[in-house]
């Protein structure tokens, strides 16, 4: 999606080959993928971490619980423009901290909520 207003519709294809389109819907997408961001938050399983400003650099991403225990560690040899997929489906419901180091320097920590209702 593009930043700002986006329009979409769904094409439903039936087993006989015929199809229908849904009504056109407007969605406002306010996540700027050129910035560092973590989304969706809260999540029920997967989250994406956009680190586009650091493309080409090495990074380590760690997920910590509220006790400070490291639960997931992801080493990336070279970041790209594409967001990193974080599989958080093994975590229980709760609040977690995601710490990011780029070129062995701690840059920031973001919190994420995992919730499966």
PDB file of N, CA and C in Angstrom:
ATOM      1  N   UNK A   1       0.820  -1.200   0.000  1.00  0.00           N
ATOM      2  CA  UNK A   1       0.000   0.000   0.000  1.00  0.00           C
ATOM      3  C   UNK A   1       0.857   1.254   0.000  1.00  0.00           C
ATOM      4  N   UNK A   2       0.298   2.320  -0.472  1.00  0.00           N
ATOM      5  CA  UNK A   2       0.956   3.620  -0.461  1.00  0.00           C
ATOM      6  C   UNK A   2       0.555   4.385   0.791  1.00  0.00           C
ATOM      7  N   UNK A   3       1.409   5.285   1.214  1.00  0.00           N
ATOM      8  CA  UNK A   3       1.111   6.141   2.353  1.00  0.00           C
ATOM      9  C   UNK A   3      -0.065   7.037   1.984  1.00  0.00           C
ATOM     10  N   UNK A   4      -1.053   7.124   2.859  1.00  0.00           N
ATOM     11  CA  UNK A   4      -2.219   7.953   2.596  1.00  0.00           C
ATOM     12  C   UNK A   4      -3.404   7.128   2.142  1.00  0.00           C
ATOM     13  N   UNK A   5      -4.201   7.704   1.234  1.00  0.00           N
ATOM     14  CA  UNK A   5      -5.414   7.044   0.759  1.00  0.00           C
ATOM     15  C   UNK A   5      -5.097   5.935  -0.243  1.00  0.00           C
ATOM     16  N   UNK A   6      -5.720   4.782  -0.035  1.00  0.00           N
ATOM     17  CA  UNK A   6      -5.622   3.653  -0.952  1.00  0.00           C
ATOM     18  C   UNK A   6      -7.033   3.145  -1.193  1.00  0.00           C
ATOM     19  N   UNK A   7      -7.246   2.591  -2.372  1.00  0.00           N
ATOM     20  CA  UNK A   7      -8.548   2.030  -2.719  1.00  0.00           C
ATOM     21  C   UNK A   7      -8.359   0.570  -3.088  1.00  0.00           C
ATOM     22  N   UNK A   8      -9.307  -0.273  -2.675  1.00  0.00           N
ATOM     23  CA  UNK A   8      -9.220  -1.677  -3.019  1.00  0.00           C
ATOM     24  C   UNK A   8     -10.609  -2.252  -3.242  1.00  0.00           C
ATOM     25  N   UNK A   9     -10.624  -3.366  -3.921  1.00  0.00           N
ATOM     26  CA  UNK A   9     -11.824  -4.176  -4.066  1.00  0.00           C
ATOM     27  C   UNK A   9     -11.369  -5.618  -4.194  1.00  0.00           C
ATOM     28  N   UNK A  10     -12.258  -6.531  -3.872  1.00  0.00           N
ATOM     29  CA  UNK A  10     -11.944  -7.949  -3.879  1.00  0.00           C
ATOM     30  C   UNK A  10     -12.586  -8.593  -5.099  1.00  0.00           C
ATOM     31  N   UNK A  11     -11.806  -9.409  -5.783  1.00  0.00           N
ATOM     32  CA  UNK A  11     -12.334 -10.178  -6.909  1.00  0.00           C
ATOM     33  C   UNK A  11     -12.558 -11.603  -6.422  1.00  0.00           C
ATOM     34  N   UNK A  12     -13.794 -12.068  -6.469  1.00  0.00           N
ATOM     35  CA  UNK A  12     -14.135 -13.426  -6.058  1.00  0.00           C
ATOM     36  C   UNK A  12     -14.316 -14.262  -7.315  1.00  0.00           C
ATOM     37  N   UNK A  13     -13.535 -15.343  -7.426  1.00  0.00           N
ATOM     38  CA  UNK A  13     -13.603 -16.221  -8.589  1.00  0.00           C
ATOM     39  C   UNK A  13     -14.300 -17.512  -8.172  1.00  0.00           C
ATOM     40  N   UNK A  14     -15.319 -17.889  -8.925  1.00  0.00           N
ATOM     41  CA  UNK A  14     -16.099 -19.084  -8.626  1.00  0.00           C
ATOM     42  C   UNK A  14     -15.540 -20.287  -9.379  1.00  0.00           C
ATOM     43  N   UNK A  15     -15.897 -21.481  -8.929  1.00  0.00           N
ATOM     44  CA  UNK A  15     -15.360 -22.706  -9.520  1.00  0.00           C
ATOM     45  C   UNK A  15     -15.716 -22.858 -10.996  1.00  0.00           C
ATOM     46  N   UNK A  16     -16.783 -22.224 -11.469  1.00  0.00           N
ATOM     47  CA  UNK A  16     -17.145 -22.311 -12.883  1.00  0.00           C
ATOM     48  C   UNK A  16     -16.398 -21.288 -13.736  1.00  0.00           C
ATOM     49  N   UNK A  17     -15.510 -20.503 -13.115  1.00  0.00           N
ATOM     50  CA  UNK A  17     -14.709 -19.528 -13.844  1.00  0.00           C
ATOM     51  C   UNK A  17     -15.307 -18.130 -13.852  1.00  0.00           C
ATOM     52  N   UNK A  18     -16.543 -17.982 -13.439  1.00  0.00           N
ATOM     53  CA  UNK A  18     -17.140 -16.649 -13.378  1.00  0.00           C
ATOM     54  C   UNK A  18     -16.584 -15.912 -12.159  1.00  0.00           C
ATOM     55  N   UNK A  19     -16.780 -14.604 -12.129  1.00  0.00           N
ATOM     56  CA  UNK A  19     -16.244 -13.814 -11.015  1.00  0.00           C
ATOM     57  C   UNK A  19     -17.123 -12.604 -10.761  1.00  0.00           C
ATOM     58  N   UNK A  20     -16.925 -12.036  -9.552  1.00  0.00           N
ATOM     59  CA  UNK A  20     -17.603 -10.816  -9.126  1.00  0.00           C
ATOM     60  C   UNK A  20     -16.599  -9.943  -8.396  1.00  0.00           C
ATOM     61  N   UNK A  21     -16.806  -8.631  -8.489  1.00  0.00           N
ATOM     62  CA  UNK A  21     -16.000  -7.690  -7.729  1.00  0.00           C
ATOM     63  C   UNK A  21     -16.834  -7.132  -6.576  1.00  0.00           C
ATOM     64  N   UNK A  22     -16.169  -6.897  -5.455  1.00  0.00           N
ATOM     65  CA  UNK A  22     -16.849  -6.256  -4.326  1.00  0.00           C
ATOM     66  C   UNK A  22     -16.944  -4.756  -4.610  1.00  0.00           C
ATOM     67  N   UNK A  23     -17.591  -4.051  -3.704  1.00  0.00           N
ATOM     68  CA  UNK A  23     -17.624  -2.595  -3.801  1.00  0.00           C
ATOM     69  C   UNK A  23     -16.220  -2.047  -3.571  1.00  0.00           C
ATOM     70  N   UNK A  24     -15.964  -0.886  -4.090  1.00  0.00           N
ATOM     71  CA  UNK A  24     -14.690  -0.210  -3.893  1.00  0.00           C
ATOM     72  C   UNK A  24     -14.652   0.366  -2.476  1.00  0.00           C
ATOM     73  N   UNK A  25     -13.531   0.154  -1.769  1.00  0.00           N
ATOM     74  CA  UNK A  25     -13.376   0.656  -0.406  1.00  0.00           C
ATOM     75  C   UNK A  25     -12.121   1.516  -0.311  1.00  0.00           C
ATOM     76  N   UNK A  26     -12.209   2.539   0.517  1.00  0.00           N
ATOM     77  CA  UNK A  26     -11.069   3.429   0.750  1.00  0.00           C
ATOM     78  C   UNK A  26     -10.435   3.063   2.089  1.00  0.00           C
ATOM     79  N   UNK A  27      -9.109   2.958   2.098  1.00  0.00           N
ATOM     80  CA  UNK A  27      -8.358   2.675   3.318  1.00  0.00           C
ATOM     81  C   UNK A  27      -7.261   3.723   3.433  1.00  0.00           C
ATOM     82  N   UNK A  28      -7.125   4.291   4.617  1.00  0.00           N
ATOM     83  CA  UNK A  28      -6.049   5.253   4.842  1.00  0.00           C
ATOM     84  C   UNK A  28      -4.918   4.526   5.543  1.00  0.00           C
ATOM     85  N   UNK A  29      -3.776   4.482   4.899  1.00  0.00           N
ATOM     86  CA  UNK A  29      -2.603   3.772   5.402  1.00  0.00           C
ATOM     87  C   UNK A  29      -1.636   4.827   5.911  1.00  0.00           C
ATOM     88  N   UNK A  30      -1.448   4.885   7.237  1.00  0.00           N
ATOM     89  CA  UNK A  30      -0.633   5.948   7.805  1.00  0.00           C
ATOM     90  C   UNK A  30       0.700   5.470   8.369  1.00  0.00           C
ATOM     91  N   UNK A  31       1.167   4.332   7.913  1.00  0.00           N
ATOM     92  CA  UNK A  31       2.487   3.847   8.334  1.00  0.00           C
ATOM     93  C   UNK A  31       3.476   4.225   7.248  1.00  0.00           C
ATOM     94  N   UNK A  32       4.434   5.050   7.577  1.00  0.00           N
ATOM     95  CA  UNK A  32       5.443   5.463   6.619  1.00  0.00           C
ATOM     96  C   UNK A  32       6.565   4.427   6.637  1.00  0.00           C
ATOM     97  N   UNK A  33       6.641   3.621   5.585  1.00  0.00           N
ATOM     98  CA  UNK A  33       7.621   2.538   5.555  1.00  0.00           C
ATOM     99  C   UNK A  33       9.044   3.023   5.353  1.00  0.00           C
ATOM    100  N   UNK A  34       9.252   4.339   5.181  1.00  0.00           N
ATOM    101  CA  UNK A  34      10.618   4.862   5.108  1.00  0.00           C
ATOM    102  C   UNK A  34      11.158   5.123   6.512  1.00  0.00           C
ATOM    103  N   UNK A  35      10.299   5.082   7.518  1.00  0.00           N
ATOM    104  CA  UNK A  35      10.699   5.272   8.900  1.00  0.00           C
ATOM    105  C   UNK A  35      10.839   3.911   9.575  1.00  0.00           C
ATOM    106  N   UNK A  36      11.485   3.893  10.730  1.00  0.00           N
ATOM    107  CA  UNK A  36      11.563   2.677  11.534  1.00  0.00           C
ATOM    108  C   UNK A  36      10.199   2.478  12.183  1.00  0.00           C
ATOM    109  N   UNK A  37       9.591   1.318  11.949  1.00  0.00           N
ATOM    110  CA  UNK A  37       8.275   1.073  12.528  1.00  0.00           C
ATOM    111  C   UNK A  37       8.064  -0.408  12.789  1.00  0.00           C
ATOM    112  N   UNK A  38       7.132  -0.696  13.674  1.00  0.00           N
ATOM    113  CA  UNK A  38       6.766  -2.047  14.066  1.00  0.00           C
ATOM    114  C   UNK A  38       5.254  -2.157  13.956  1.00  0.00           C
ATOM    115  N   UNK A  39       4.778  -3.083  13.151  1.00  0.00           N
ATOM    116  CA  UNK A  39       3.333  -3.183  12.910  1.00  0.00           C
ATOM    117  C   UNK A  39       2.961  -4.600  12.516  1.00  0.00           C
ATOM    118  N   UNK A  40       1.740  -5.046  12.665  1.00  0.00           N
ATOM    119  CA  UNK A  40       0.681  -4.390  13.425  1.00  0.00           C
ATOM    120  C   UNK A  40       0.955  -4.523  14.919  1.00  0.00           C
ATOM    121  N   UNK A  41       0.433  -3.611  15.654  1.00  0.00           N
ATOM    122  CA  UNK A  41       0.620  -3.612  17.097  1.00  0.00           C
ATOM    123  C   UNK A  41      -0.673  -3.143  17.738  1.00  0.00           C
ATOM    124  N   UNK A  42      -1.396  -4.036  18.398  1.00  0.00           N
ATOM    125  CA  UNK A  42      -1.063  -5.407  18.798  1.00  0.00           C
ATOM    126  C   UNK A  42      -1.114  -6.374  17.613  1.00  0.00           C
ATOM    127  N   UNK A  43      -0.537  -7.549  17.849  1.00  0.00           N
ATOM    128  CA  UNK A  43      -0.509  -8.598  16.840  1.00  0.00           C
ATOM    129  C   UNK A  43      -1.025  -9.896  17.440  1.00  0.00           C
ATOM    130  N   UNK A  44      -1.490 -10.780  16.560  1.00  0.00           N
ATOM    131  CA  UNK A  44      -1.916 -12.096  17.031  1.00  0.00           C
ATOM    132  C   UNK A  44      -0.880 -13.157  16.676  1.00  0.00           C
ATOM    133  N   UNK A  45       0.183 -12.779  15.999  1.00  0.00           N
ATOM    134  CA  UNK A  45       1.201 -13.760  15.630  1.00  0.00           C
ATOM    135  C   UNK A  45       2.398 -13.143  14.953  1.00  0.00           C
ATOM    136  N   UNK A  46       2.235 -12.683  13.712  1.00  0.00           N
ATOM    137  CA  UNK A  46       3.348 -12.107  12.971  1.00  0.00           C
ATOM    138  C   UNK A  46       3.350 -10.597  13.085  1.00  0.00           C
ATOM    139  N   UNK A  47       4.553 -10.029  13.090  1.00  0.00           N
ATOM    140  CA  UNK A  47       4.721  -8.580  13.071  1.00  0.00           C
ATOM    141  C   UNK A  47       5.821  -8.267  12.068  1.00  0.00           C
ATOM    142  N   UNK A  48       5.840  -7.037  11.627  1.00  0.00           N
ATOM    143  CA  UNK A  48       6.852  -6.592  10.666  1.00  0.00           C
ATOM    144  C   UNK A  48       7.610  -5.424  11.259  1.00  0.00           C
ATOM    145  N   UNK A  49       8.921  -5.461  11.075  1.00  0.00           N
ATOM    146  CA  UNK A  49       9.805  -4.423  11.570  1.00  0.00           C
ATOM    147  C   UNK A  49      10.470  -3.776  10.365  1.00  0.00           C
ATOM    148  N   UNK A  50      10.131  -2.527  10.129  1.00  0.00           N
ATOM    149  CA  UNK A  50      10.696  -1.799   9.004  1.00  0.00           C
ATOM    150  C   UNK A  50      11.957  -1.076   9.453  1.00  0.00           C
ATOM    151  N   UNK A  51      13.064  -1.423   8.839  1.00  0.00           N
ATOM    152  CA  UNK A  51      14.354  -0.808   9.158  1.00  0.00           C
ATOM    153  C   UNK A  51      14.996  -0.231   7.891  1.00  0.00           C
ATOM    154  N   UNK A  52      14.170   0.275   7.010  1.00  0.00           N
ATOM    155  CA  UNK A  52      14.613   0.760   5.703  1.00  0.00           C
ATOM    156  C   UNK A  52      15.764   1.776   5.777  1.00  0.00           C
ATOM    157  N   UNK A  53      15.773   2.687   6.752  1.00  0.00           N
ATOM    158  CA  UNK A  53      16.885   3.648   6.800  1.00  0.00           C
ATOM    159  C   UNK A  53      18.256   2.991   7.017  1.00  0.00           C
ATOM    160  N   UNK A  54      18.265   1.718   7.426  1.00  0.00           N
ATOM    161  CA  UNK A  54      19.524   1.031   7.719  1.00  0.00           C
ATOM    162  C   UNK A  54      19.854  -0.048   6.694  1.00  0.00           C
ATOM    163  N   UNK A  55      19.250   0.012   5.528  1.00  0.00           N
ATOM    164  CA  UNK A  55      19.486  -0.987   4.479  1.00  0.00           C
ATOM    165  C   UNK A  55      20.981  -1.091   4.191  1.00  0.00           C
ATOM    166  N   UNK A  56      21.435  -2.347   4.048  1.00  0.00           N
ATOM    167  CA  UNK A  56      22.838  -2.617   3.774  1.00  0.00           C
ATOM    168  C   UNK A  56      23.672  -2.871   5.018  1.00  0.00           C
ATOM    169  N   UNK A  57      23.107  -2.623   6.189  1.00  0.00           N
ATOM    170  CA  UNK A  57      23.852  -2.822   7.433  1.00  0.00           C
ATOM    171  C   UNK A  57      23.451  -4.132   8.101  1.00  0.00           C
ATOM    172  N   UNK A  58      24.296  -4.597   9.009  1.00  0.00           N
ATOM    173  CA  UNK A  58      24.050  -5.806   9.788  1.00  0.00           C
ATOM    174  C   UNK A  58      23.228  -5.441  11.018  1.00  0.00           C
ATOM    175  N   UNK A  59      22.316  -6.345  11.421  1.00  0.00           N
ATOM    176  CA  UNK A  59      21.467  -6.046  12.571  1.00  0.00           C
ATOM    177  C   UNK A  59      21.193  -7.291  13.402  1.00  0.00           C
ATOM    178  N   UNK A  60      20.885  -7.060  14.665  1.00  0.00           N
ATOM    179  CA  UNK A  60      20.410  -8.094  15.577  1.00  0.00           C
ATOM    180  C   UNK A  60      19.118  -7.588  16.193  1.00  0.00           C
ATOM    181  N   UNK A  61      18.093  -8.428  16.152  1.00  0.00           N
ATOM    182  CA  UNK A  61      16.796  -8.098  16.731  1.00  0.00           C
ATOM    183  C   UNK A  61      16.521  -9.123  17.825  1.00  0.00           C
ATOM    184  N   UNK A  62      16.213  -8.635  19.029  1.00  0.00           N
ATOM    185  CA  UNK A  62      15.919  -9.520  20.149  1.00  0.00           C
ATOM    186  C   UNK A  62      14.560  -9.185  20.727  1.00  0.00           C
ATOM    187  N   UNK A  63      13.823 -10.227  21.106  1.00  0.00           N
ATOM    188  CA  UNK A  63      12.518 -10.068  21.737  1.00  0.00           C
ATOM    189  C   UNK A  63      12.665 -10.503  23.193  1.00  0.00           C
ATOM    190  N   UNK A  64      12.260  -9.611  24.108  1.00  0.00           N
ATOM    191  CA  UNK A  64      12.374  -9.846  25.540  1.00  0.00           C
ATOM    192  C   UNK A  64      10.995  -9.860  26.181  1.00  0.00           C
ATOM    193  N   UNK A  65      10.847 -10.687  27.220  1.00  0.00           N
ATOM    194  CA  UNK A  65       9.608 -10.641  28.006  1.00  0.00           C
ATOM    195  C   UNK A  65       9.758  -9.573  29.085  1.00  0.00           C
ATOM    196  N   UNK A  66       8.741  -9.420  29.925  1.00  0.00           N
ATOM    197  CA  UNK A  66       8.764  -8.370  30.952  1.00  0.00           C
ATOM    198  C   UNK A  66       9.785  -8.634  32.061  1.00  0.00           C
ATOM    199  N   UNK A  67      10.310  -9.860  32.114  1.00  0.00           N
ATOM    200  CA  UNK A  67      11.359 -10.180  33.082  1.00  0.00           C
ATOM    201  C   UNK A  67      12.755  -9.920  32.527  1.00  0.00           C
ATOM    202  N   UNK A  68      12.831  -9.470  31.270  1.00  0.00           N
ATOM    203  CA  UNK A  68      14.111  -9.189  30.640  1.00  0.00           C
ATOM    204  C   UNK A  68      14.772 -10.406  30.044  1.00  0.00           C
ATOM    205  N   UNK A  69      14.040 -11.506  29.940  1.00  0.00           N
ATOM    206  CA  UNK A  69      14.598 -12.730  29.362  1.00  0.00           C
ATOM    207  C   UNK A  69      14.491 -12.668  27.839  1.00  0.00           C
ATOM    208  N   UNK A  70      15.589 -12.981  27.164  1.00  0.00           N
ATOM    209  CA  UNK A  70      15.599 -12.995  25.701  1.00  0.00           C
ATOM    210  C   UNK A  70      14.894 -14.259  25.222  1.00  0.00           C
ATOM    211  N   UNK A  71      13.836 -14.083  24.421  1.00  0.00           N
ATOM    212  CA  UNK A  71      13.041 -15.221  23.942  1.00  0.00           C
ATOM    213  C   UNK A  71      13.318 -15.540  22.475  1.00  0.00           C
ATOM    214  N   UNK A  72      13.595 -14.530  21.701  1.00  0.00           N
ATOM    215  CA  UNK A  72      13.861 -14.700  20.268  1.00  0.00           C
ATOM    216  C   UNK A  72      15.021 -13.807  19.905  1.00  0.00           C
ATOM    217  N   UNK A  73      15.936 -14.328  19.092  1.00  0.00           N
ATOM    218  CA  UNK A  73      17.031 -13.515  18.567  1.00  0.00           C
ATOM    219  C   UNK A  73      17.154 -13.779  17.079  1.00  0.00           C
ATOM    220  N   UNK A  74      17.229 -12.709  16.327  1.00  0.00           N
ATOM    221  CA  UNK A  74      17.311 -12.789  14.877  1.00  0.00           C
ATOM    222  C   UNK A  74      18.519 -11.984  14.423  1.00  0.00           C
ATOM    223  N   UNK A  75      19.480 -12.655  13.791  1.00  0.00           N
ATOM    224  CA  UNK A  75      20.652 -11.977  13.234  1.00  0.00           C
ATOM    225  C   UNK A  75      20.454 -11.811  11.736  1.00  0.00           C
ATOM    226  N   UNK A  76      20.643 -10.605  11.261  1.00  0.00           N
ATOM    227  CA  UNK A  76      20.475 -10.302   9.843  1.00  0.00           C
ATOM    228  C   UNK A  76      21.810  -9.799   9.320  1.00  0.00           C
ATOM    229  N   UNK A  77      22.362 -10.515   8.328  1.00  0.00           N
ATOM    230  CA  UNK A  77      23.665 -10.133   7.772  1.00  0.00           C
ATOM    231  C   UNK A  77      23.613  -8.813   7.013  1.00  0.00           C
ATOM    232  N   UNK A  78      22.498  -8.596   6.299  1.00  0.00           N
ATOM    233  CA  UNK A  78      22.359  -7.354   5.550  1.00  0.00           C
ATOM    234  C   UNK A  78      20.886  -6.976   5.459  1.00  0.00           C
ATOM    235  N   UNK A  79      20.539  -5.852   6.048  1.00  0.00           N
ATOM    236  CA  UNK A  79      19.162  -5.375   5.986  1.00  0.00           C
ATOM    237  C   UNK A  79      18.825  -4.915   4.573  1.00  0.00           C
ATOM    238  N   UNK A  80      17.573  -5.077   4.201  1.00  0.00           N
ATOM    239  CA  UNK A  80      17.102  -4.619   2.899  1.00  0.00           C
ATOM    240  C   UNK A  80      16.007  -3.576   3.113  1.00  0.00           C
ATOM    241  N   UNK A  81      15.439  -3.110   2.019  1.00  0.00           N
ATOM    242  CA  UNK A  81      14.324  -2.166   2.099  1.00  0.00           C
ATOM    243  C   UNK A  81      13.054  -2.831   2.607  1.00  0.00           C
ATOM    244  N   UNK A  82      12.977  -4.149   2.468  1.00  0.00           N
ATOM    245  CA  UNK A  82      11.767  -4.882   2.861  1.00  0.00           C
ATOM    246  C   UNK A  82      11.708  -5.031   4.384  1.00  0.00           C
ATOM    247  N   UNK A  83      10.517  -4.934   4.972  1.00  0.00           N
ATOM    248  CA  UNK A  83      10.382  -5.138   6.420  1.00  0.00           C
ATOM    249  C   UNK A  83      10.737  -6.568   6.823  1.00  0.00           C
ATOM    250  N   UNK A  84      11.283  -6.716   8.023  1.00  0.00           N
ATOM    251  CA  UNK A  84      11.600  -8.040   8.569  1.00  0.00           C
ATOM    252  C   UNK A  84      10.335  -8.663   9.143  1.00  0.00           C
ATOM    253  N   UNK A  85      10.132  -9.927   8.851  1.00  0.00           N
ATOM    254  CA  UNK A  85       9.016 -10.673   9.426  1.00  0.00           C
ATOM    255  C   UNK A  85       9.456 -11.220  10.772  1.00  0.00           C
ATOM    256  N   UNK A  86       8.695 -10.906  11.820  1.00  0.00           N
ATOM    257  CA  UNK A  86       8.950 -11.444  13.156  1.00  0.00           C
ATOM    258  C   UNK A  86       7.829 -12.411  13.490  1.00  0.00           C
ATOM    259  N   UNK A  87       8.164 -13.683  13.597  1.00  0.00           N
ATOM    260  CA  UNK A  87       7.167 -14.692  13.952  1.00  0.00           C
ATOM    261  C   UNK A  87       7.064 -14.738  15.471  1.00  0.00           C
ATOM    262  N   UNK A  88       5.982 -14.176  15.994  1.00  0.00           N
ATOM    263  CA  UNK A  88       5.761 -14.121  17.441  1.00  0.00           C
ATOM    264  C   UNK A  88       4.683 -15.103  17.878  1.00  0.00           C
ATOM    265  N   UNK A  89       4.345 -16.043  17.003  1.00  0.00           N
ATOM    266  CA  UNK A  89       3.240 -16.965  17.266  1.00  0.00           C
ATOM    267  C   UNK A  89       3.511 -17.926  18.419  1.00  0.00           C
ATOM    268  N   UNK A  90       4.766 -18.108  18.802  1.00  0.00           N
ATOM    269  CA  UNK A  90       5.089 -19.010  19.911  1.00  0.00           C
ATOM    270  C   UNK A  90       4.985 -18.317  21.272  1.00  0.00           C
ATOM    271  N   UNK A  91       4.780 -17.001  21.264  1.00  0.00           N
ATOM    272  CA  UNK A  91       4.728 -16.250  22.515  1.00  0.00           C
ATOM    273  C   UNK A  91       3.314 -16.250  23.099  1.00  0.00           C
ATOM    274  N   UNK A  92       3.231 -16.244  24.405  1.00  0.00           N
ATOM    275  CA  UNK A  92       1.945 -16.125  25.097  1.00  0.00           C
ATOM    276  C   UNK A  92       1.438 -14.690  24.984  1.00  0.00           C
ATOM    277  N   UNK A  93       0.164 -14.501  25.284  1.00  0.00           N
ATOM    278  CA  UNK A  93      -0.382 -13.147  25.326  1.00  0.00           C
ATOM    279  C   UNK A  93       0.425 -12.320  26.306  1.00  0.00           C
ATOM    280  N   UNK A  94       0.719 -11.084  25.936  1.00  0.00           N
ATOM    281  CA  UNK A  94       1.459 -10.204  26.832  1.00  0.00           C
ATOM    282  C   UNK A  94       2.155  -9.089  26.099  1.00  0.00           C
ATOM    283  N   UNK A  95       2.945  -8.323  26.848  1.00  0.00           N
ATOM    284  CA  UNK A  95       3.709  -7.211  26.302  1.00  0.00           C
ATOM    285  C   UNK A  95       5.171  -7.640  26.228  1.00  0.00           C
ATOM    286  N   UNK A  96       5.787  -7.375  25.095  1.00  0.00           N
ATOM    287  CA  UNK A  96       7.179  -7.757  24.853  1.00  0.00           C
ATOM    288  C   UNK A  96       7.955  -6.550  24.349  1.00  0.00           C
ATOM    289  N   UNK A  97       9.253  -6.554  24.599  1.00  0.00           N
ATOM    290  CA  UNK A  97      10.133  -5.500  24.102  1.00  0.00           C
ATOM    291  C   UNK A  97      10.966  -6.062  22.964  1.00  0.00           C
ATOM    292  N   UNK A  98      11.104  -5.275  21.926  1.00  0.00           N
ATOM    293  CA  UNK A  98      11.927  -5.668  20.783  1.00  0.00           C
ATOM    294  C   UNK A  98      13.085  -4.689  20.711  1.00  0.00           C
ATOM    295  N   UNK A  99      14.288  -5.212  20.944  1.00  0.00           N
ATOM    296  CA  UNK A  99      15.498  -4.391  20.929  1.00  0.00           C
ATOM    297  C   UNK A  99      16.212  -4.593  19.599  1.00  0.00           C
ATOM    298  N   UNK A 100      16.641  -3.496  19.011  1.00  0.00           N
ATOM    299  CA  UNK A 100      17.299  -3.550  17.709  1.00  0.00           C
ATOM    300  C   UNK A 100      18.697  -2.959  17.831  1.00  0.00           C
ATOM    301  N   UNK A 101      19.679  -3.729  17.364  1.00  0.00           N
ATOM    302  CA  UNK A 101      21.059  -3.249  17.282  1.00  0.00           C
ATOM    303  C   UNK A 101      21.445  -3.263  15.810  1.00  0.00           C
ATOM    304  N   UNK A 102      21.979  -2.159  15.340  1.00  0.00           N
ATOM    305  CA  UNK A 102      22.485  -2.081  13.974  1.00  0.00           C
ATOM    306  C   UNK A 102      23.977  -1.839  14.072  1.00  0.00           C
ATOM    307  N   UNK A 103      24.746  -2.691  13.392  1.00  0.00           N
ATOM    308  CA  UNK A 103      26.210  -2.628  13.467  1.00  0.00           C
ATOM    309  C   UNK A 103      26.686  -2.612  14.919  1.00  0.00           C
ATOM    310  N   UNK A 104      26.093  -3.483  15.745  1.00  0.00           N
ATOM    311  CA  UNK A 104      26.446  -3.689  17.150  1.00  0.00           C
ATOM    312  C   UNK A 104      26.216  -2.481  18.050  1.00  0.00           C
ATOM    313  N   UNK A 105      25.413  -1.516  17.620  1.00  0.00           N
ATOM    314  CA  UNK A 105      25.036  -0.394  18.471  1.00  0.00           C
ATOM    315  C   UNK A 105      23.550  -0.477  18.767  1.00  0.00           C
ATOM    316  N   UNK A 106      23.181  -0.420  20.030  1.00  0.00           N
ATOM    317  CA  UNK A 106      21.753  -0.456  20.380  1.00  0.00           C
ATOM    318  C   UNK A 106      21.124   0.856  19.940  1.00  0.00           C
ATOM    319  N   UNK A 107      20.164   0.754  19.049  1.00  0.00           N
ATOM    320  CA  UNK A 107      19.523   1.949  18.525  1.00  0.00           C
ATOM    321  C   UNK A 107      18.243   2.280  19.260  1.00  0.00           C
ATOM    322  N   UNK A 108      17.392   1.270  19.446  1.00  0.00           N
ATOM    323  CA  UNK A 108      16.101   1.556  20.059  1.00  0.00           C
ATOM    324  C   UNK A 108      15.452   0.277  20.539  1.00  0.00           C
ATOM    325  N   UNK A 109      14.444   0.451  21.379  1.00  0.00           N
ATOM    326  CA  UNK A 109      13.601  -0.636  21.847  1.00  0.00           C
ATOM    327  C   UNK A 109      12.159  -0.211  21.637  1.00  0.00           C
ATOM    328  N   UNK A 110      11.347  -1.113  21.101  1.00  0.00           N
ATOM    329  CA  UNK A 110       9.920  -0.858  20.903  1.00  0.00           C
ATOM    330  C   UNK A 110       9.134  -1.943  21.618  1.00  0.00           C
ATOM    331  N   UNK A 111       7.976  -1.592  22.120  1.00  0.00           N
ATOM    332  CA  UNK A 111       7.113  -2.572  22.770  1.00  0.00           C
ATOM    333  C   UNK A 111       6.052  -3.042  21.793  1.00  0.00           C
ATOM    334  N   UNK A 112       5.674  -4.316  21.943  1.00  0.00           N
ATOM    335  CA  UNK A 112       4.604  -4.880  21.130  1.00  0.00           C
ATOM    336  C   UNK A 112       3.712  -5.736  22.019  1.00  0.00           C
ATOM    337  N   UNK A 113       2.435  -5.748  21.711  1.00  0.00           N
ATOM    338  CA  UNK A 113       1.466  -6.528  22.460  1.00  0.00           C
ATOM    339  C   UNK A 113       1.083  -7.735  21.609  1.00  0.00           C
ATOM    340  N   UNK A 114       1.190  -8.935  22.197  1.00  0.00           N
ATOM    341  CA  UNK A 114       0.732 -10.164  21.538  1.00  0.00           C
ATOM    342  C   UNK A 114      -0.591 -10.527  22.206  1.00  0.00           C
ATOM    343  N   UNK A 115      -1.622 -10.651  21.389  1.00  0.00           N
ATOM    344  CA  UNK A 115      -2.953 -10.936  21.931  1.00  0.00           C
ATOM    345  C   UNK A 115      -3.717 -11.828  20.969  1.00  0.00           C
ATOM    346  N   UNK A 116      -4.067 -13.010  21.448  1.00  0.00           N
ATOM    347  CA  UNK A 116      -4.916 -13.933  20.680  1.00  0.00           C
ATOM    348  C   UNK A 116      -6.175 -14.160  21.487  1.00  0.00           C
ATOM    349  N   UNK A 117      -7.250 -13.553  21.084  1.00  0.00           N
ATOM    350  CA  UNK A 117      -8.511 -13.697  21.819  1.00  0.00           C
ATOM    351  C   UNK A 117      -9.389 -14.763  21.229  1.00  0.00           C
TER     352      UNK A 117
END
